[in-house]
Amino acid sequence: MGRPNQFETIENRSFEPKFSLDFPPKEAEVALLKNLGLDGPHNVRGNLQGARFTVTRQ
């Protein structure tokens, strides 16, 4: 049996969105990643109204 994948934080960034908090979540994810130059496969935990919005790229 192999070892489980280990995740590590590469970088934490602050982001000031240019859209409202009621923006559709899927569109917000894509807009955020494109703005940071990191678009591609990903998963997101949290929401725009919460204190934390975590994007895990694959």
PDB file of N, CA and C in Angstrom:
ATOM      1  N   MET A   1       0.848  -1.177   0.000  1.00  0.00           N
ATOM      2  CA  MET A   1       0.000   0.000   0.000  1.00  0.00           C
ATOM      3  C   MET A   1       0.893   1.240   0.000  1.00  0.00           C
ATOM      4  N   GLY A   2       0.610   2.180  -0.888  1.00  0.00           N
ATOM      5  CA  GLY A   2       1.405   3.390  -0.997  1.00  0.00           C
ATOM      6  C   GLY A   2       1.079   4.402   0.087  1.00  0.00           C
ATOM      7  N   ARG A   3       1.891   5.397   0.171  1.00  0.00           N
ATOM      8  CA  ARG A   3       1.670   6.476   1.131  1.00  0.00           C
ATOM      9  C   ARG A   3       0.616   7.431   0.577  1.00  0.00           C
ATOM     10  N   PRO A   4      -0.207   8.011   1.444  1.00  0.00           N
ATOM     11  CA  PRO A   4      -1.205   8.975   0.958  1.00  0.00           C
ATOM     12  C   PRO A   4      -0.508  10.222   0.412  1.00  0.00           C
ATOM     13  N   ASN A   5      -1.195  10.898  -0.498  1.00  0.00           N
ATOM     14  CA  ASN A   5      -0.649  12.145  -1.035  1.00  0.00           C
ATOM     15  C   ASN A   5      -0.468  13.156   0.084  1.00  0.00           C
ATOM     16  N   GLN A   6       0.625  13.866   0.050  1.00  0.00           N
ATOM     17  CA  GLN A   6       0.887  14.928   1.018  1.00  0.00           C
ATOM     18  C   GLN A   6       0.681  16.266   0.316  1.00  0.00           C
ATOM     19  N   PHE A   7      -0.078  17.139   0.941  1.00  0.00           N
ATOM     20  CA  PHE A   7      -0.312  18.465   0.392  1.00  0.00           C
ATOM     21  C   PHE A   7       0.567  19.451   1.135  1.00  0.00           C
ATOM     22  N   GLU A   8       1.037  20.433   0.429  1.00  0.00           N
ATOM     23  CA  GLU A   8       1.805  21.480   1.076  1.00  0.00           C
ATOM     24  C   GLU A   8       1.380  22.827   0.510  1.00  0.00           C
ATOM     25  N   THR A   9       1.408  23.822   1.358  1.00  0.00           N
ATOM     26  CA  THR A   9       1.072  25.173   0.923  1.00  0.00           C
ATOM     27  C   THR A   9       2.265  25.734   0.180  1.00  0.00           C
ATOM     28  N   ILE A  10       2.042  26.134  -1.048  1.00  0.00           N
ATOM     29  CA  ILE A  10       3.095  26.742  -1.851  1.00  0.00           C
ATOM     30  C   ILE A  10       3.134  28.236  -1.561  1.00  0.00           C
ATOM     31  N   GLU A  11       1.942  28.822  -1.461  1.00  0.00           N
ATOM     32  CA  GLU A  11       1.865  30.265  -1.301  1.00  0.00           C
ATOM     33  C   GLU A  11       0.481  30.646  -0.800  1.00  0.00           C
ATOM     34  N   ASN A  12       0.400  31.627   0.058  1.00  0.00           N
ATOM     35  CA  ASN A  12      -0.869  32.225   0.476  1.00  0.00           C
ATOM     36  C   ASN A  12      -0.932  33.609  -0.150  1.00  0.00           C
ATOM     37  N   ARG A  13      -2.075  33.938  -0.723  1.00  0.00           N
ATOM     38  CA  ARG A  13      -2.234  35.239  -1.355  1.00  0.00           C
ATOM     39  C   ARG A  13      -3.537  35.871  -0.897  1.00  0.00           C
ATOM     40  N   SER A  14      -3.511  37.167  -0.747  1.00  0.00           N
ATOM     41  CA  SER A  14      -4.742  37.911  -0.500  1.00  0.00           C
ATOM     42  C   SER A  14      -5.288  38.308  -1.864  1.00  0.00           C
ATOM     43  N   PHE A  15      -6.595  38.402  -1.943  1.00  0.00           N
ATOM     44  CA  PHE A  15      -7.228  38.717  -3.221  1.00  0.00           C
ATOM     45  C   PHE A  15      -8.417  39.616  -2.969  1.00  0.00           C
ATOM     46  N   GLU A  16      -8.455  40.744  -3.623  1.00  0.00           N
ATOM     47  CA  GLU A  16      -9.591  41.649  -3.562  1.00  0.00           C
ATOM     48  C   GLU A  16     -10.448  41.418  -4.803  1.00  0.00           C
ATOM     49  N   PRO A  17     -11.562  40.710  -4.654  1.00  0.00           N
ATOM     50  CA  PRO A  17     -12.375  40.396  -5.829  1.00  0.00           C
ATOM     51  C   PRO A  17     -13.000  41.638  -6.448  1.00  0.00           C
ATOM     52  N   LYS A  18     -13.169  41.574  -7.746  1.00  0.00           N
ATOM     53  CA  LYS A  18     -13.823  42.659  -8.479  1.00  0.00           C
ATOM     54  C   LYS A  18     -15.248  42.256  -8.862  1.00  0.00           C
ATOM     55  N   PHE A  19     -15.820  41.371  -8.051  1.00  0.00           N
ATOM     56  CA  PHE A  19     -17.195  40.942  -8.260  1.00  0.00           C
ATOM     57  C   PHE A  19     -17.878  40.882  -6.903  1.00  0.00           C
ATOM     58  N   SER A  20     -19.220  40.876  -6.908  1.00  0.00           N
ATOM     59  CA  SER A  20     -19.974  40.875  -5.660  1.00  0.00           C
ATOM     60  C   SER A  20     -19.965  39.489  -5.019  1.00  0.00           C
ATOM     61  N   LEU A  21     -20.321  39.442  -3.732  1.00  0.00           N
ATOM     62  CA  LEU A  21     -20.308  38.183  -2.999  1.00  0.00           C
ATOM     63  C   LEU A  21     -21.418  37.231  -3.432  1.00  0.00           C
ATOM     64  N   ASP A  22     -22.391  37.713  -4.205  1.00  0.00           N
ATOM     65  CA  ASP A  22     -23.441  36.818  -4.693  1.00  0.00           C
ATOM     66  C   ASP A  22     -23.140  36.315  -6.107  1.00  0.00           C
ATOM     67  N   PHE A  23     -21.933  36.565  -6.574  1.00  0.00           N
ATOM     68  CA  PHE A  23     -21.467  36.062  -7.866  1.00  0.00           C
ATOM     69  C   PHE A  23     -21.549  34.534  -7.845  1.00  0.00           C
ATOM     70  N   PRO A  24     -21.973  33.881  -8.928  1.00  0.00           N
ATOM     71  CA  PRO A  24     -22.068  32.412  -8.921  1.00  0.00           C
ATOM     72  C   PRO A  24     -20.723  31.772  -8.553  1.00  0.00           C
ATOM     73  N   PRO A  25     -20.702  30.860  -7.565  1.00  0.00           N
ATOM     74  CA  PRO A  25     -19.449  30.286  -7.075  1.00  0.00           C
ATOM     75  C   PRO A  25     -18.540  29.695  -8.156  1.00  0.00           C
ATOM     76  N   LYS A  26     -19.077  28.933  -9.081  1.00  0.00           N
ATOM     77  CA  LYS A  26     -18.234  28.333 -10.129  1.00  0.00           C
ATOM     78  C   LYS A  26     -17.570  29.396 -10.990  1.00  0.00           C
ATOM     79  N   GLU A  27     -18.301  30.463 -11.288  1.00  0.00           N
ATOM     80  CA  GLU A  27     -17.721  31.546 -12.081  1.00  0.00           C
ATOM     81  C   GLU A  27     -16.668  32.299 -11.275  1.00  0.00           C
ATOM     82  N   ALA A  28     -16.889  32.439  -9.967  1.00  0.00           N
ATOM     83  CA  ALA A  28     -15.915  33.109  -9.101  1.00  0.00           C
ATOM     84  C   ALA A  28     -14.615  32.315  -9.047  1.00  0.00           C
ATOM     85  N   GLU A  29     -14.708  30.986  -8.950  1.00  0.00           N
ATOM     86  CA  GLU A  29     -13.512  30.136  -8.913  1.00  0.00           C
ATOM     87  C   GLU A  29     -12.663  30.348 -10.168  1.00  0.00           C
ATOM     88  N   VAL A  30     -13.313  30.272 -11.308  1.00  0.00           N
ATOM     89  CA  VAL A  30     -12.601  30.414 -12.578  1.00  0.00           C
ATOM     90  C   VAL A  30     -11.999  31.813 -12.701  1.00  0.00           C
ATOM     91  N   ALA A  31     -12.767  32.845 -12.333  1.00  0.00           N
ATOM     92  CA  ALA A  31     -12.275  34.225 -12.412  1.00  0.00           C
ATOM     93  C   ALA A  31     -11.071  34.423 -11.489  1.00  0.00           C
ATOM     94  N   LEU A  32     -11.143  33.874 -10.293  1.00  0.00           N
ATOM     95  CA  LEU A  32     -10.042  33.984  -9.336  1.00  0.00           C
ATOM     96  C   LEU A  32      -8.775  33.348  -9.885  1.00  0.00           C
ATOM     97  N   LEU A  33      -8.880  32.118 -10.361  1.00  0.00           N
ATOM     98  CA  LEU A  33      -7.700  31.421 -10.873  1.00  0.00           C
ATOM     99  C   LEU A  33      -7.123  32.098 -12.113  1.00  0.00           C
ATOM    100  N   LYS A  34      -7.981  32.551 -13.009  1.00  0.00           N
ATOM    101  CA  LYS A  34      -7.487  33.240 -14.202  1.00  0.00           C
ATOM    102  C   LYS A  34      -6.766  34.539 -13.821  1.00  0.00           C
ATOM    103  N   ASN A  35      -7.325  35.267 -12.854  1.00  0.00           N
ATOM    104  CA  ASN A  35      -6.713  36.509 -12.406  1.00  0.00           C
ATOM    105  C   ASN A  35      -5.314  36.275 -11.843  1.00  0.00           C
ATOM    106  N   LEU A  36      -5.121  35.138 -11.191  1.00  0.00           N
ATOM    107  CA  LEU A  36      -3.823  34.805 -10.599  1.00  0.00           C
ATOM    108  C   LEU A  36      -2.901  34.077 -11.568  1.00  0.00           C
ATOM    109  N   GLY A  37      -3.391  33.823 -12.786  1.00  0.00           N
ATOM    110  CA  GLY A  37      -2.587  33.104 -13.764  1.00  0.00           C
ATOM    111  C   GLY A  37      -2.459  31.623 -13.430  1.00  0.00           C
ATOM    112  N   LEU A  38      -3.470  31.069 -12.747  1.00  0.00           N
ATOM    113  CA  LEU A  38      -3.417  29.683 -12.282  1.00  0.00           C
ATOM    114  C   LEU A  38      -4.614  28.858 -12.746  1.00  0.00           C
ATOM    115  N   ASP A  39      -5.225  29.225 -13.876  1.00  0.00           N
ATOM    116  CA  ASP A  39      -6.407  28.481 -14.292  1.00  0.00           C
ATOM    117  C   ASP A  39      -6.040  27.037 -14.629  1.00  0.00           C
ATOM    118  N   GLY A  40      -7.001  26.154 -14.463  1.00  0.00           N
ATOM    119  CA  GLY A  40      -6.804  24.731 -14.716  1.00  0.00           C
ATOM    120  C   GLY A  40      -7.642  23.921 -13.739  1.00  0.00           C
ATOM    121  N   PRO A  41      -7.452  22.591 -13.725  1.00  0.00           N
ATOM    122  CA  PRO A  41      -8.234  21.726 -12.828  1.00  0.00           C
ATOM    123  C   PRO A  41      -8.030  22.134 -11.364  1.00  0.00           C
ATOM    124  N   HIS A  42      -9.137  22.124 -10.591  1.00  0.00           N
ATOM    125  CA  HIS A  42      -9.055  22.567  -9.206  1.00  0.00           C
ATOM    126  C   HIS A  42     -10.262  22.092  -8.410  1.00  0.00           C
ATOM    127  N   ASN A  43     -10.145  22.214  -7.092  1.00  0.00           N
ATOM    128  CA  ASN A  43     -11.247  22.008  -6.153  1.00  0.00           C
ATOM    129  C   ASN A  43     -11.271  23.221  -5.241  1.00  0.00           C
ATOM    130  N   VAL A  44     -12.452  23.538  -4.729  1.00  0.00           N
ATOM    131  CA  VAL A  44     -12.591  24.692  -3.839  1.00  0.00           C
ATOM    132  C   VAL A  44     -13.340  24.278  -2.586  1.00  0.00           C
ATOM    133  N   ARG A  45     -12.866  24.798  -1.438  1.00  0.00           N
ATOM    134  CA  ARG A  45     -13.568  24.614  -0.163  1.00  0.00           C
ATOM    135  C   ARG A  45     -13.892  26.001   0.360  1.00  0.00           C
ATOM    136  N   GLY A  46     -15.092  26.151   0.867  1.00  0.00           N
ATOM    137  CA  GLY A  46     -15.517  27.441   1.395  1.00  0.00           C
ATOM    138  C   GLY A  46     -16.382  28.168   0.386  1.00  0.00           C
ATOM    139  N   ASN A  47     -16.679  29.413   0.713  1.00  0.00           N
ATOM    140  CA  ASN A  47     -17.485  30.229  -0.189  1.00  0.00           C
ATOM    141  C   ASN A  47     -17.043  31.675  -0.079  1.00  0.00           C
ATOM    142  N   LEU A  48     -17.556  32.515  -0.934  1.00  0.00           N
ATOM    143  CA  LEU A  48     -17.125  33.904  -0.968  1.00  0.00           C
ATOM    144  C   LEU A  48     -17.548  34.685   0.268  1.00  0.00           C
ATOM    145  N   GLN A  49     -18.579  34.239   0.971  1.00  0.00           N
ATOM    146  CA  GLN A  49     -19.037  34.942   2.160  1.00  0.00           C
ATOM    147  C   GLN A  49     -18.245  34.548   3.400  1.00  0.00           C
ATOM    148  N   GLY A  50     -17.547  33.439   3.360  1.00  0.00           N
ATOM    149  CA  GLY A  50     -16.819  32.950   4.527  1.00  0.00           C
ATOM    150  C   GLY A  50     -15.463  33.625   4.698  1.00  0.00           C
ATOM    151  N   ALA A  51     -14.829  33.295   5.801  1.00  0.00           N
ATOM    152  CA  ALA A  51     -13.515  33.873   6.106  1.00  0.00           C
ATOM    153  C   ALA A  51     -12.417  33.230   5.284  1.00  0.00           C
ATOM    154  N   ARG A  52     -12.657  32.018   4.790  1.00  0.00           N
ATOM    155  CA  ARG A  52     -11.630  31.315   4.040  1.00  0.00           C
ATOM    156  C   ARG A  52     -12.226  30.688   2.785  1.00  0.00           C
ATOM    157  N   PHE A  53     -11.498  30.795   1.701  1.00  0.00           N
ATOM    158  CA  PHE A  53     -11.876  30.243   0.406  1.00  0.00           C
ATOM    159  C   PHE A  53     -10.598  29.558  -0.083  1.00  0.00           C
ATOM    160  N   THR A  54     -10.549  28.231   0.014  1.00  0.00           N
ATOM    161  CA  THR A  54      -9.326  27.494  -0.285  1.00  0.00           C
ATOM    162  C   THR A  54      -9.430  26.824  -1.641  1.00  0.00           C
ATOM    163  N   VAL A  55      -8.467  27.090  -2.493  1.00  0.00           N
ATOM    164  CA  VAL A  55      -8.407  26.494  -3.831  1.00  0.00           C
ATOM    165  C   VAL A  55      -7.261  25.493  -3.838  1.00  0.00           C
ATOM    166  N   THR A  56      -7.570  24.263  -4.213  1.00  0.00           N
ATOM    167  CA  THR A  56      -6.552  23.235  -4.363  1.00  0.00           C
ATOM    168  C   THR A  56      -6.447  22.914  -5.837  1.00  0.00           C
ATOM    169  N   ARG A  57      -5.285  23.167  -6.406  1.00  0.00           N
ATOM    170  CA  ARG A  57      -5.083  22.849  -7.825  1.00  0.00           C
ATOM    171  C   ARG A  57      -4.593  21.436  -7.964  1.00  0.00           C
ATOM    172  N   GLN A  58      -4.925  20.819  -9.081  1.00  0.00           N
ATOM    173  CA  GLN A  58      -4.546  19.421  -9.298  1.00  0.00           C
ATOM    174  C   GLN A  58      -3.459  19.306 -10.340  1.00  0.00           C
TER     175      GLN A  58
END
